Amino acid sequence: MPRTTRPPEKFASAIVALAFIVATFAGCAKSPPLVAPPSIHASAEDVELNFRDRTFVLGDNNEIAEVRPLDWRKDKFLKLPFWFGVNILVPGVMAPKEGDFYVISEATLEKPLDTPGEWMIEAGSSLVKQETVFVTTRTRYLTSGKILPTIVQYMGKREFKRADGKTVQIPVLREVSLPMKWTLGGHIPAVYARYST
């Protein structure tokens, strides 16, 4: 009788069973955790170390805020997102996260609130503005008007009642830096709010 190259049935069954077990365990194994890409934005530590209660220089980039302390080289910046607010349907704009840092630009002081150092402001992009609570820490605003760009921290939302009785949630930003150093030459234009520190 000629020799066959086929494995015996028991051996073939064992191979199939082993393949099934390997496939089962491979499916149950934990996949490696997803690693978020590194952020292009400055860390909280960098912001606190370089900008807390200090003035700064703002670069010319309109897409992302390039900020540097006064004593850094002119070509060295840290990056922070501009504040565009919440519930604004702009493609590519992420919802703000509580505790994150932003730069407000194109914002206007509207009126002081009952608590000293708190203002209702209109903040956002040059196209879309929304009411926002601005809590100052070192800057004392003496008049209403535009606000020089300022680094802020998003603190979440606060509930307000409108004149019509409707309740609304308004974002709250707390001042981190002092207002930006005016670098365009001459005096700060009169449209900007006067302040002291």
C-alpha atoms as a PDB file:
ATOM      1  CA  MET A   1       0.000   0.000   0.000  1.00  0.00           C
ATOM      2  CA  PRO A   2       1.471   3.394  -0.994  1.00  0.00           C
ATOM      3  CA  ARG A   3       2.217   5.951   1.755  1.00  0.00           C
ATOM      4  CA  THR A   4      -0.093   8.966   1.902  1.00  0.00           C
ATOM      5  CA  THR A   5       1.088  12.490   2.694  1.00  0.00           C
ATOM      6  CA  ARG A   6      -2.221  13.450   4.318  1.00  0.00           C
ATOM      7  CA  PRO A   7      -2.051  13.741   8.114  1.00  0.00           C
ATOM      8  CA  PRO A   8      -4.173  11.356  10.137  1.00  0.00           C
ATOM      9  CA  GLU A   9      -7.685  12.651  10.981  1.00  0.00           C
ATOM     10  CA  LYS A  10      -6.846  13.130  14.666  1.00  0.00           C
ATOM     11  CA  PHE A  11      -3.835  15.273  13.789  1.00  0.00           C
ATOM     12  CA  ALA A  12      -5.877  17.387  11.350  1.00  0.00           C
ATOM     13  CA  SER A  13      -8.573  17.911  13.998  1.00  0.00           C
ATOM     14  CA  ALA A  14      -5.924  19.046  16.499  1.00  0.00           C
ATOM     15  CA  ILE A  15      -4.567  21.597  14.019  1.00  0.00           C
ATOM     16  CA  VAL A  16      -8.065  23.011  13.404  1.00  0.00           C
ATOM     17  CA  ALA A  17      -8.754  23.188  17.168  1.00  0.00           C
ATOM     18  CA  LEU A  18      -5.428  24.925  17.806  1.00  0.00           C
ATOM     19  CA  ALA A  19      -6.095  27.465  15.043  1.00  0.00           C
ATOM     20  CA  PHE A  20      -9.549  28.151  16.550  1.00  0.00           C
ATOM     21  CA  ILE A  21      -8.066  28.705  20.029  1.00  0.00           C
ATOM     22  CA  VAL A  22      -5.369  31.062  18.694  1.00  0.00           C
ATOM     23  CA  ALA A  23      -7.986  33.028  16.723  1.00  0.00           C
ATOM     24  CA  THR A  24     -10.255  33.262  19.775  1.00  0.00           C
ATOM     25  CA  PHE A  25      -7.509  34.567  22.042  1.00  0.00           C
ATOM     26  CA  ALA A  26      -6.245  36.961  19.400  1.00  0.00           C
ATOM     27  CA  GLY A  27      -9.749  38.454  19.149  1.00  0.00           C
ATOM     28  CA  CYS A  28     -10.007  38.834  22.922  1.00  0.00           C
ATOM     29  CA  ALA A  29      -6.595  40.373  23.406  1.00  0.00           C
ATOM     30  CA  LYS A  30      -6.615  44.035  24.286  1.00  0.00           C
ATOM     31  CA  SER A  31      -5.667  46.250  21.421  1.00  0.00           C
ATOM     32  CA  PRO A  32      -2.967  48.799  22.191  1.00  0.00           C
ATOM     33  CA  PRO A  33      -4.360  52.099  23.514  1.00  0.00           C
ATOM     34  CA  LEU A  34      -4.821  54.872  21.012  1.00  0.00           C
ATOM     35  CA  VAL A  35      -2.192  57.522  21.477  1.00  0.00           C
ATOM     36  CA  ALA A  36      -3.342  61.084  20.866  1.00  0.00           C
ATOM     37  CA  PRO A  37      -1.100  63.070  18.571  1.00  0.00           C
ATOM     38  CA  PRO A  38       1.061  65.597  20.407  1.00  0.00           C
ATOM     39  CA  SER A  39      -0.677  68.940  20.879  1.00  0.00           C
ATOM     40  CA  ILE A  40       0.632  71.936  18.993  1.00  0.00           C
ATOM     41  CA  HIS A  41      -0.624  74.152  21.828  1.00  0.00           C
ATOM     42  CA  ALA A  42       1.409  75.250  24.834  1.00  0.00           C
ATOM     43  CA  SER A  43       0.999  73.119  27.941  1.00  0.00           C
ATOM     44  CA  ALA A  44      -0.729  74.420  31.067  1.00  0.00           C
ATOM     45  CA  GLU A  45       2.680  74.449  32.769  1.00  0.00           C
ATOM     46  CA  ASP A  46       4.163  76.624  29.992  1.00  0.00           C
ATOM     47  CA  VAL A  47       1.262  79.075  30.234  1.00  0.00           C
ATOM     48  CA  GLU A  48       1.442  79.347  34.016  1.00  0.00           C
ATOM     49  CA  LEU A  49       5.230  79.690  34.011  1.00  0.00           C
ATOM     50  CA  ASN A  50       5.499  82.280  31.243  1.00  0.00           C
ATOM     51  CA  PHE A  51       2.282  84.296  31.266  1.00  0.00           C
ATOM     52  CA  ARG A  52       0.536  84.257  34.668  1.00  0.00           C
ATOM     53  CA  ASP A  53      -0.013  87.931  35.644  1.00  0.00           C
ATOM     54  CA  ARG A  54       2.407  89.107  32.920  1.00  0.00           C
ATOM     55  CA  THR A  55       2.029  90.980  29.690  1.00  0.00           C
ATOM     56  CA  PHE A  56       3.055  89.314  26.423  1.00  0.00           C
ATOM     57  CA  VAL A  57       3.584  89.875  22.712  1.00  0.00           C
ATOM     58  CA  LEU A  58       1.084  88.480  20.189  1.00  0.00           C
ATOM     59  CA  GLY A  59       2.293  87.403  16.743  1.00  0.00           C
ATOM     60  CA  ASP A  60       0.632  88.153  13.404  1.00  0.00           C
ATOM     61  CA  ASN A  61      -0.897  84.710  12.760  1.00  0.00           C
ATOM     62  CA  ASN A  62      -4.700  84.966  12.362  1.00  0.00           C
ATOM     63  CA  GLU A  63      -5.297  81.199  12.588  1.00  0.00           C
ATOM     64  CA  ILE A  64      -3.583  80.428  15.884  1.00  0.00           C
ATOM     65  CA  ALA A  65      -2.343  82.753  18.620  1.00  0.00           C
ATOM     66  CA  GLU A  66       1.447  82.927  18.737  1.00  0.00           C
ATOM     67  CA  VAL A  67       2.431  84.329  22.136  1.00  0.00           C
ATOM     68  CA  ARG A  68       5.774  85.074  23.741  1.00  0.00           C
ATOM     69  CA  PRO A  69       7.028  86.725  26.927  1.00  0.00           C
ATOM     70  CA  LEU A  70       8.649  90.124  26.429  1.00  0.00           C
ATOM     71  CA  ASP A  71      12.174  88.792  27.022  1.00  0.00           C
ATOM     72  CA  TRP A  72      12.048  86.028  24.377  1.00  0.00           C
ATOM     73  CA  ARG A  73      13.621  86.267  20.905  1.00  0.00           C
ATOM     74  CA  LYS A  74      11.267  87.711  18.286  1.00  0.00           C
ATOM     75  CA  ASP A  75      11.131  84.426  16.366  1.00  0.00           C
ATOM     76  CA  LYS A  76      10.268  82.210  19.362  1.00  0.00           C
ATOM     77  CA  PHE A  77       6.590  81.720  20.249  1.00  0.00           C
ATOM     78  CA  LEU A  78       4.257  79.359  22.072  1.00  0.00           C
ATOM     79  CA  LYS A  79       0.918  78.600  20.403  1.00  0.00           C
ATOM     80  CA  LEU A  80      -2.563  78.819  21.890  1.00  0.00           C
ATOM     81  CA  PRO A  81      -5.978  78.646  20.235  1.00  0.00           C
ATOM     82  CA  PHE A  82      -8.030  81.794  19.846  1.00  0.00           C
ATOM     83  CA  TRP A  83     -11.323  81.844  21.742  1.00  0.00           C
ATOM     84  CA  PHE A  84     -14.205  81.313  19.348  1.00  0.00           C
ATOM     85  CA  GLY A  85     -16.811  80.494  21.990  1.00  0.00           C
ATOM     86  CA  VAL A  86     -19.272  77.647  22.338  1.00  0.00           C
ATOM     87  CA  ASN A  87     -22.113  76.351  20.150  1.00  0.00           C
ATOM     88  CA  ILE A  88     -20.738  78.105  17.091  1.00  0.00           C
ATOM     89  CA  LEU A  89     -21.101  76.012  13.965  1.00  0.00           C
ATOM     90  CA  VAL A  90     -17.748  76.655  12.356  1.00  0.00           C
ATOM     91  CA  PRO A  91     -16.175  73.663  10.564  1.00  0.00           C
ATOM     92  CA  GLY A  92     -12.967  72.518  12.222  1.00  0.00           C
ATOM     93  CA  VAL A  93     -13.506  74.469  15.457  1.00  0.00           C
ATOM     94  CA  MET A  94     -13.418  72.186  18.487  1.00  0.00           C
ATOM     95  CA  ALA A  95     -15.683  72.775  21.465  1.00  0.00           C
ATOM     96  CA  PRO A  96     -13.749  74.436  24.301  1.00  0.00           C
ATOM     97  CA  LYS A  97     -12.632  72.259  27.205  1.00  0.00           C
ATOM     98  CA  GLU A  98     -12.938  73.406  30.786  1.00  0.00           C
ATOM     99  CA  GLY A  99      -9.520  74.359  32.148  1.00  0.00           C
ATOM    100  CA  ASP A 100      -7.946  74.946  28.734  1.00  0.00           C
ATOM    101  CA  PHE A 101      -6.201  78.195  27.825  1.00  0.00           C
ATOM    102  CA  TYR A 102      -7.169  80.527  24.991  1.00  0.00           C
ATOM    103  CA  VAL A 103      -6.398  84.011  23.708  1.00  0.00           C
ATOM    104  CA  ILE A 104      -9.312  86.425  23.456  1.00  0.00           C
ATOM    105  CA  SER A 105      -8.978  88.885  20.635  1.00  0.00           C
ATOM    106  CA  GLU A 106     -11.549  91.199  19.081  1.00  0.00           C
ATOM    107  CA  ALA A 107     -13.490  91.184  22.379  1.00  0.00           C
ATOM    108  CA  THR A 108     -15.421  94.148  23.789  1.00  0.00           C
ATOM    109  CA  LEU A 109     -16.347  94.993  27.384  1.00  0.00           C
ATOM    110  CA  GLU A 110     -20.109  95.506  27.468  1.00  0.00           C
ATOM    111  CA  LYS A 111     -21.007  96.091  31.126  1.00  0.00           C
ATOM    112  CA  PRO A 112     -19.700  95.303  34.618  1.00  0.00           C
ATOM    113  CA  LEU A 113     -21.519  92.574  36.551  1.00  0.00           C
ATOM    114  CA  ASP A 114     -22.496  92.758  40.230  1.00  0.00           C
ATOM    115  CA  THR A 115     -19.331  90.997  41.406  1.00  0.00           C
ATOM    116  CA  PRO A 116     -16.237  93.274  41.306  1.00  0.00           C
ATOM    117  CA  GLY A 117     -13.836  92.301  38.528  1.00  0.00           C
ATOM    118  CA  GLU A 118     -16.499  90.564  36.447  1.00  0.00           C
ATOM    119  CA  TRP A 119     -17.681  91.879  33.097  1.00  0.00           C
ATOM    120  CA  MET A 120     -20.091  90.782  30.420  1.00  0.00           C
ATOM    121  CA  ILE A 121     -18.167  90.904  27.168  1.00  0.00           C
ATOM    122  CA  GLU A 122     -18.803  90.143  23.520  1.00  0.00           C
ATOM    123  CA  ALA A 123     -16.107  87.661  22.505  1.00  0.00           C
ATOM    124  CA  GLY A 124     -15.328  85.378  19.601  1.00  0.00           C
ATOM    125  CA  SER A 125     -14.034  85.731  16.094  1.00  0.00           C
ATOM    126  CA  SER A 126     -14.325  88.877  14.039  1.00  0.00           C
ATOM    127  CA  LEU A 127     -17.331  87.253  12.315  1.00  0.00           C
ATOM    128  CA  VAL A 128     -19.216  85.687  15.229  1.00  0.00           C
ATOM    129  CA  LYS A 129     -19.481  87.173  18.728  1.00  0.00           C
ATOM    130  CA  GLN A 130     -21.287  85.870  21.787  1.00  0.00           C
ATOM    131  CA  GLU A 131     -21.886  86.998  25.344  1.00  0.00           C
ATOM    132  CA  THR A 132     -19.207  85.747  27.699  1.00  0.00           C
ATOM    133  CA  VAL A 133     -18.397  86.413  31.344  1.00  0.00           C
ATOM    134  CA  PHE A 134     -14.872  87.781  31.772  1.00  0.00           C
ATOM    135  CA  VAL A 135     -13.367  87.492  35.266  1.00  0.00           C
ATOM    136  CA  THR A 136     -10.338  89.714  35.801  1.00  0.00           C
ATOM    137  CA  THR A 137      -7.637  88.831  38.309  1.00  0.00           C
ATOM    138  CA  ARG A 138      -5.089  91.667  38.096  1.00  0.00           C
ATOM    139  CA  THR A 139      -6.409  94.086  35.487  1.00  0.00           C
ATOM    140  CA  ARG A 140      -8.865  96.747  36.628  1.00  0.00           C
ATOM    141  CA  TYR A 141     -10.870  98.104  33.704  1.00  0.00           C
ATOM    142  CA  LEU A 142     -11.920 101.723  34.109  1.00  0.00           C
ATOM    143  CA  THR A 143     -14.002 102.151  30.930  1.00  0.00           C
ATOM    144  CA  SER A 144     -15.830  99.983  28.447  1.00  0.00           C
ATOM    145  CA  GLY A 145     -14.408  99.388  24.964  1.00  0.00           C
ATOM    146  CA  LYS A 146     -12.308  96.823  23.150  1.00  0.00           C
ATOM    147  CA  ILE A 147     -10.008  94.576  25.178  1.00  0.00           C
ATOM    148  CA  LEU A 148      -6.387  94.163  24.217  1.00  0.00           C
ATOM    149  CA  PRO A 149      -5.731  90.462  23.517  1.00  0.00           C
ATOM    150  CA  THR A 150      -5.474  88.542  26.772  1.00  0.00           C
ATOM    151  CA  ILE A 151      -4.677  84.930  27.695  1.00  0.00           C
ATOM    152  CA  VAL A 152      -7.636  83.386  29.534  1.00  0.00           C
ATOM    153  CA  GLN A 153      -8.742  80.060  30.977  1.00  0.00           C
ATOM    154  CA  TYR A 154     -12.166  78.580  30.200  1.00  0.00           C
ATOM    155  CA  MET A 155     -13.970  77.914  33.493  1.00  0.00           C
ATOM    156  CA  GLY A 156     -17.197  76.360  32.184  1.00  0.00           C
ATOM    157  CA  LYS A 157     -20.634  77.968  31.984  1.00  0.00           C
ATOM    158  CA  ARG A 158     -22.747  80.023  34.348  1.00  0.00           C
ATOM    159  CA  GLU A 159     -26.512  80.280  34.386  1.00  0.00           C
ATOM    160  CA  PHE A 160     -28.150  83.667  33.784  1.00  0.00           C
ATOM    161  CA  LYS A 161     -31.745  84.790  33.526  1.00  0.00           C
ATOM    162  CA  ARG A 162     -32.594  87.104  30.682  1.00  0.00           C
ATOM    163  CA  ALA A 163     -35.105  89.939  30.932  1.00  0.00           C
ATOM    164  CA  ASP A 164     -37.743  87.682  29.321  1.00  0.00           C
ATOM    165  CA  GLY A 165     -37.256  85.089  32.092  1.00  0.00           C
ATOM    166  CA  LYS A 166     -35.456  82.584  29.877  1.00  0.00           C
ATOM    167  CA  THR A 167     -32.456  80.836  31.475  1.00  0.00           C
ATOM    168  CA  VAL A 168     -29.250  80.722  29.433  1.00  0.00           C
ATOM    169  CA  GLN A 169     -25.809  79.207  29.970  1.00  0.00           C
ATOM    170  CA  ILE A 170     -22.992  81.672  29.309  1.00  0.00           C
ATOM    171  CA  PRO A 171     -19.296  80.715  29.095  1.00  0.00           C
ATOM    172  CA  VAL A 172     -16.927  82.066  31.739  1.00  0.00           C
ATOM    173  CA  LEU A 173     -13.328  83.076  30.985  1.00  0.00           C
ATOM    174  CA  ARG A 174     -10.839  83.966  33.719  1.00  0.00           C
ATOM    175  CA  GLU A 175      -7.941  86.298  33.011  1.00  0.00           C
ATOM    176  CA  VAL A 176      -4.516  84.613  33.170  1.00  0.00           C
ATOM    177  CA  SER A 177      -2.146  87.169  31.627  1.00  0.00           C
ATOM    178  CA  LEU A 178      -2.148  90.920  31.704  1.00  0.00           C
ATOM    179  CA  PRO A 179      -3.313  92.580  28.460  1.00  0.00           C
ATOM    180  CA  MET A 180      -0.996  92.249  25.467  1.00  0.00           C
ATOM    181  CA  LYS A 181       1.812  94.769  25.079  1.00  0.00           C
ATOM    182  CA  TRP A 182       0.878  97.299  22.396  1.00  0.00           C
ATOM    183  CA  THR A 183       3.502  96.872  19.657  1.00  0.00           C
ATOM    184  CA  LEU A 184       1.995  98.810  16.737  1.00  0.00           C
ATOM    185  CA  GLY A 185       3.592 102.153  17.591  1.00  0.00           C
ATOM    186  CA  GLY A 186       2.076 105.252  19.137  1.00  0.00           C
ATOM    187  CA  HIS A 187      -0.488 105.241  21.926  1.00  0.00           C
ATOM    188  CA  ILE A 188      -3.169 102.589  22.388  1.00  0.00           C
ATOM    189  CA  PRO A 189      -6.175 103.805  20.338  1.00  0.00           C
ATOM    190  CA  ALA A 190      -9.122 105.321  22.231  1.00  0.00           C
ATOM    191  CA  VAL A 191     -11.455 102.472  21.157  1.00  0.00           C
ATOM    192  CA  TYR A 192      -9.669 100.227  23.681  1.00  0.00           C
ATOM    193  CA  ALA A 193     -10.857 100.194  27.279  1.00  0.00           C
ATOM    194  CA  ARG A 194      -8.661 102.073  29.743  1.00  0.00           C
ATOM    195  CA  TYR A 195      -7.284  99.930  32.546  1.00  0.00           C
ATOM    196  CA  SER A 196      -4.829  99.801  35.419  1.00  0.00           C
ATOM    197  CA  THR A 197      -2.924  96.848  36.901  1.00  0.00           C
END
